[in-house]
Amino acid sequence: MDAIIYGIVFLISVFSFLFLIKRFHDKFHRHLLVKNFGDYNAVLQLNMEKAYELIYKDRIMTYSLEAFRIPDEEYNIASSDFVRATQKFLGPALTEQFIELYGDEETFIFMLLEYFSSKYEGDEIRKGALDNFKESEIK
């Protein structure tokens, strides 16, 4: 009977020890992610720029050259394609690390969509074409 009690106590101790090691590892891993945020951010920026260029050429450039705003449905498709392309460029391991860094997948995707929106709103080709169109209307 004593052997069973000692066995149970031993198992509880081992599981508690493993739980503490896992918590320490998780905290240390998060600390490293935050500490190296600049490096991670540079990698993320590079991959978001590549993904935006790809999506821009495929889905947005035609509208920009004609000085039209992209329709909402097409914008939604382009933005979700952008998220998928960015995650594809990052690969599964880095995507998981960014999800961990941002807390959850929803926040990470929100951040990607914000980047896409700000890049789209700052579209210089569309602005230039729109300005040219306005000048030709005035004359």
C-alpha atoms as a PDB file:
ATOM      1  CA  MET A   1       0.000   0.000   0.000  1.00  0.00           C
ATOM      2  CA  ASP A   2       2.866   2.353   0.826  1.00  0.00           C
ATOM      3  CA  ALA A   3       4.417   1.654  -2.569  1.00  0.00           C
ATOM      4  CA  ILE A   4       1.219   2.802  -4.283  1.00  0.00           C
ATOM      5  CA  ILE A   5       1.131   6.031  -2.273  1.00  0.00           C
ATOM      6  CA  TYR A   6       4.831   6.688  -2.974  1.00  0.00           C
ATOM      7  CA  GLY A   7       4.216   5.957  -6.652  1.00  0.00           C
ATOM      8  CA  ILE A   8       1.314   8.424  -6.796  1.00  0.00           C
ATOM      9  CA  VAL A   9       3.339  11.091  -4.963  1.00  0.00           C
ATOM     10  CA  PHE A  10       6.251  10.440  -7.327  1.00  0.00           C
ATOM     11  CA  LEU A  11       4.019  10.794 -10.413  1.00  0.00           C
ATOM     12  CA  ILE A  12       2.475  13.997  -9.070  1.00  0.00           C
ATOM     13  CA  SER A  13       5.971  15.374  -8.391  1.00  0.00           C
ATOM     14  CA  VAL A  14       7.190  14.462 -11.877  1.00  0.00           C
ATOM     15  CA  PHE A  15       4.156  16.035 -13.568  1.00  0.00           C
ATOM     16  CA  SER A  16       4.485  19.165 -11.419  1.00  0.00           C
ATOM     17  CA  PHE A  17       8.166  19.423 -12.306  1.00  0.00           C
ATOM     18  CA  LEU A  18       7.434  18.989 -16.021  1.00  0.00           C
ATOM     19  CA  PHE A  19       4.673  21.596 -15.818  1.00  0.00           C
ATOM     20  CA  LEU A  20       7.065  24.094 -14.210  1.00  0.00           C
ATOM     21  CA  ILE A  21       9.729  23.416 -16.847  1.00  0.00           C
ATOM     22  CA  LYS A  22       7.165  23.958 -19.614  1.00  0.00           C
ATOM     23  CA  ARG A  23       6.016  27.254 -18.084  1.00  0.00           C
ATOM     24  CA  PHE A  24       9.618  28.425 -17.763  1.00  0.00           C
ATOM     25  CA  HIS A  25      10.313  27.422 -21.365  1.00  0.00           C
ATOM     26  CA  ASP A  26       7.210  29.272 -22.615  1.00  0.00           C
ATOM     27  CA  LYS A  27       8.109  32.444 -20.712  1.00  0.00           C
ATOM     28  CA  PHE A  28      11.704  32.262 -21.912  1.00  0.00           C
ATOM     29  CA  HIS A  29      10.555  31.697 -25.505  1.00  0.00           C
ATOM     30  CA  ARG A  30       8.203  34.708 -25.347  1.00  0.00           C
ATOM     31  CA  HIS A  31      11.018  36.771 -23.846  1.00  0.00           C
ATOM     32  CA  LEU A  32      13.247  35.844 -26.794  1.00  0.00           C
ATOM     33  CA  LEU A  33      10.504  36.741 -29.273  1.00  0.00           C
ATOM     34  CA  VAL A  34      10.058  40.157 -27.691  1.00  0.00           C
ATOM     35  CA  LYS A  35      13.797  40.704 -27.317  1.00  0.00           C
ATOM     36  CA  ASN A  36      14.358  39.926 -31.007  1.00  0.00           C
ATOM     37  CA  PHE A  37      11.251  41.785 -32.178  1.00  0.00           C
ATOM     38  CA  GLY A  38      13.288  44.041 -34.484  1.00  0.00           C
ATOM     39  CA  ASP A  39      14.702  41.059 -36.353  1.00  0.00           C
ATOM     40  CA  TYR A  40      11.308  39.369 -36.565  1.00  0.00           C
ATOM     41  CA  ASN A  41       9.731  42.628 -37.716  1.00  0.00           C
ATOM     42  CA  ALA A  42      12.313  43.023 -40.506  1.00  0.00           C
ATOM     43  CA  VAL A  43      11.530  39.507 -41.765  1.00  0.00           C
ATOM     44  CA  LEU A  44       7.802  40.175 -41.547  1.00  0.00           C
ATOM     45  CA  GLN A  45       8.127  43.519 -43.382  1.00  0.00           C
ATOM     46  CA  LEU A  46      10.094  41.918 -46.204  1.00  0.00           C
ATOM     47  CA  ASN A  47       7.548  39.149 -46.654  1.00  0.00           C
ATOM     48  CA  MET A  48       4.570  41.520 -46.438  1.00  0.00           C
ATOM     49  CA  GLU A  49       6.142  43.736 -49.104  1.00  0.00           C
ATOM     50  CA  LYS A  50       6.688  40.733 -51.388  1.00  0.00           C
ATOM     51  CA  ALA A  51       3.114  39.566 -50.846  1.00  0.00           C
ATOM     52  CA  TYR A  52       1.726  43.066 -51.456  1.00  0.00           C
ATOM     53  CA  GLU A  53       3.680  43.412 -54.709  1.00  0.00           C
ATOM     54  CA  LEU A  54       2.331  40.062 -55.870  1.00  0.00           C
ATOM     55  CA  ILE A  55      -1.291  40.898 -55.001  1.00  0.00           C
ATOM     56  CA  TYR A  56      -0.947  44.452 -56.309  1.00  0.00           C
ATOM     57  CA  LYS A  57       0.196  43.245 -59.732  1.00  0.00           C
ATOM     58  CA  ASP A  58      -2.498  40.558 -59.920  1.00  0.00           C
ATOM     59  CA  ARG A  59      -5.529  42.331 -58.508  1.00  0.00           C
ATOM     60  CA  ILE A  60      -5.070  46.057 -57.918  1.00  0.00           C
ATOM     61  CA  MET A  61      -2.815  47.585 -60.574  1.00  0.00           C
ATOM     62  CA  THR A  62      -5.493  47.711 -63.266  1.00  0.00           C
ATOM     63  CA  TYR A  63      -7.735  49.778 -61.034  1.00  0.00           C
ATOM     64  CA  SER A  64      -4.820  52.016 -60.020  1.00  0.00           C
ATOM     65  CA  LEU A  65      -3.818  52.768 -63.599  1.00  0.00           C
ATOM     66  CA  GLU A  66      -7.396  53.698 -64.441  1.00  0.00           C
ATOM     67  CA  ALA A  67      -7.653  55.834 -61.263  1.00  0.00           C
ATOM     68  CA  PHE A  68     -10.570  53.759 -59.975  1.00  0.00           C
ATOM     69  CA  ARG A  69     -11.100  52.600 -56.457  1.00  0.00           C
ATOM     70  CA  ILE A  70     -11.173  48.810 -56.257  1.00  0.00           C
ATOM     71  CA  PRO A  71     -14.697  47.427 -55.598  1.00  0.00           C
ATOM     72  CA  ASP A  72     -15.318  46.177 -52.057  1.00  0.00           C
ATOM     73  CA  GLU A  73     -15.755  42.552 -53.108  1.00  0.00           C
ATOM     74  CA  GLU A  74     -12.497  42.602 -55.062  1.00  0.00           C
ATOM     75  CA  TYR A  75     -10.780  44.388 -52.155  1.00  0.00           C
ATOM     76  CA  ASN A  76     -11.898  41.648 -49.747  1.00  0.00           C
ATOM     77  CA  ILE A  77     -10.565  38.954 -52.080  1.00  0.00           C
ATOM     78  CA  ALA A  78      -7.279  40.809 -52.546  1.00  0.00           C
ATOM     79  CA  SER A  79      -6.826  41.338 -48.801  1.00  0.00           C
ATOM     80  CA  SER A  80      -7.441  37.683 -47.960  1.00  0.00           C
ATOM     81  CA  ASP A  81      -5.099  36.661 -50.781  1.00  0.00           C
ATOM     82  CA  PHE A  82      -2.525  39.016 -49.259  1.00  0.00           C
ATOM     83  CA  VAL A  83      -2.838  37.308 -45.857  1.00  0.00           C
ATOM     84  CA  ARG A  84      -2.465  33.869 -47.447  1.00  0.00           C
ATOM     85  CA  ALA A  85       0.512  34.962 -49.563  1.00  0.00           C
ATOM     86  CA  THR A  86       2.263  36.511 -46.555  1.00  0.00           C
ATOM     87  CA  GLN A  87       1.755  33.352 -44.515  1.00  0.00           C
ATOM     88  CA  LYS A  88       2.975  31.252 -47.447  1.00  0.00           C
ATOM     89  CA  PHE A  89       6.126  33.380 -47.761  1.00  0.00           C
ATOM     90  CA  LEU A  90       6.748  33.141 -44.006  1.00  0.00           C
ATOM     91  CA  GLY A  91       6.228  29.394 -43.894  1.00  0.00           C
ATOM     92  CA  PRO A  92       4.469  27.447 -41.142  1.00  0.00           C
ATOM     93  CA  ALA A  93       7.188  27.784 -38.485  1.00  0.00           C
ATOM     94  CA  LEU A  94       7.525  31.572 -38.699  1.00  0.00           C
ATOM     95  CA  THR A  95       3.776  32.014 -39.033  1.00  0.00           C
ATOM     96  CA  GLU A  96       3.304  30.122 -35.765  1.00  0.00           C
ATOM     97  CA  GLN A  97       5.962  32.270 -34.077  1.00  0.00           C
ATOM     98  CA  PHE A  98       4.269  35.458 -35.246  1.00  0.00           C
ATOM     99  CA  ILE A  99       0.910  34.163 -34.036  1.00  0.00           C
ATOM    100  CA  GLU A 100       2.541  33.486 -30.674  1.00  0.00           C
ATOM    101  CA  LEU A 101       4.184  36.917 -30.696  1.00  0.00           C
ATOM    102  CA  TYR A 102       0.903  38.723 -31.450  1.00  0.00           C
ATOM    103  CA  GLY A 103      -1.071  36.580 -29.018  1.00  0.00           C
ATOM    104  CA  ASP A 104      -3.435  34.791 -31.368  1.00  0.00           C
ATOM    105  CA  GLU A 105      -4.122  34.240 -35.053  1.00  0.00           C
ATOM    106  CA  GLU A 106      -6.923  36.797 -35.205  1.00  0.00           C
ATOM    107  CA  THR A 107      -4.647  39.601 -33.973  1.00  0.00           C
ATOM    108  CA  PHE A 108      -1.885  38.579 -36.366  1.00  0.00           C
ATOM    109  CA  ILE A 109      -4.288  38.578 -39.321  1.00  0.00           C
ATOM    110  CA  PHE A 110      -5.694  41.935 -38.192  1.00  0.00           C
ATOM    111  CA  MET A 111      -2.168  43.372 -38.206  1.00  0.00           C
ATOM    112  CA  LEU A 112      -1.564  41.977 -41.716  1.00  0.00           C
ATOM    113  CA  LEU A 113      -4.840  43.486 -42.950  1.00  0.00           C
ATOM    114  CA  GLU A 114      -3.933  46.859 -41.445  1.00  0.00           C
ATOM    115  CA  TYR A 115      -0.648  46.783 -43.348  1.00  0.00           C
ATOM    116  CA  PHE A 116      -2.500  45.908 -46.561  1.00  0.00           C
ATOM    117  CA  SER A 117      -5.013  48.736 -46.020  1.00  0.00           C
ATOM    118  CA  SER A 118      -2.338  51.323 -45.353  1.00  0.00           C
ATOM    119  CA  LYS A 119      -0.349  50.246 -48.432  1.00  0.00           C
ATOM    120  CA  TYR A 120      -3.489  50.360 -50.564  1.00  0.00           C
ATOM    121  CA  GLU A 121      -4.492  53.788 -49.259  1.00  0.00           C
ATOM    122  CA  GLY A 122      -0.990  55.070 -50.031  1.00  0.00           C
ATOM    123  CA  ASP A 123      -1.099  53.792 -53.627  1.00  0.00           C
ATOM    124  CA  GLU A 124       0.941  56.416 -55.493  1.00  0.00           C
ATOM    125  CA  ILE A 125       0.069  55.105 -58.967  1.00  0.00           C
ATOM    126  CA  ARG A 126      -3.646  55.517 -58.282  1.00  0.00           C
ATOM    127  CA  LYS A 127      -3.117  58.972 -56.785  1.00  0.00           C
ATOM    128  CA  GLY A 128      -1.022  60.051 -59.771  1.00  0.00           C
ATOM    129  CA  ALA A 129      -3.548  58.723 -62.265  1.00  0.00           C
ATOM    130  CA  LEU A 130      -6.372  60.418 -60.346  1.00  0.00           C
ATOM    131  CA  ASP A 131      -4.470  63.726 -60.312  1.00  0.00           C
ATOM    132  CA  ASN A 132      -3.854  63.449 -64.064  1.00  0.00           C
ATOM    133  CA  PHE A 133      -7.543  62.709 -64.579  1.00  0.00           C
ATOM    134  CA  LYS A 134      -8.540  65.748 -62.496  1.00  0.00           C
ATOM    135  CA  GLU A 135      -6.116  67.996 -64.428  1.00  0.00           C
ATOM    136  CA  SER A 136      -7.516  66.812 -67.743  1.00  0.00           C
ATOM    137  CA  GLU A 137     -11.048  67.522 -66.477  1.00  0.00           C
ATOM    138  CA  ILE A 138     -10.087  71.079 -65.538  1.00  0.00           C
ATOM    139  CA  LYS A 139      -8.595  71.844 -68.951  1.00  0.00           C
END
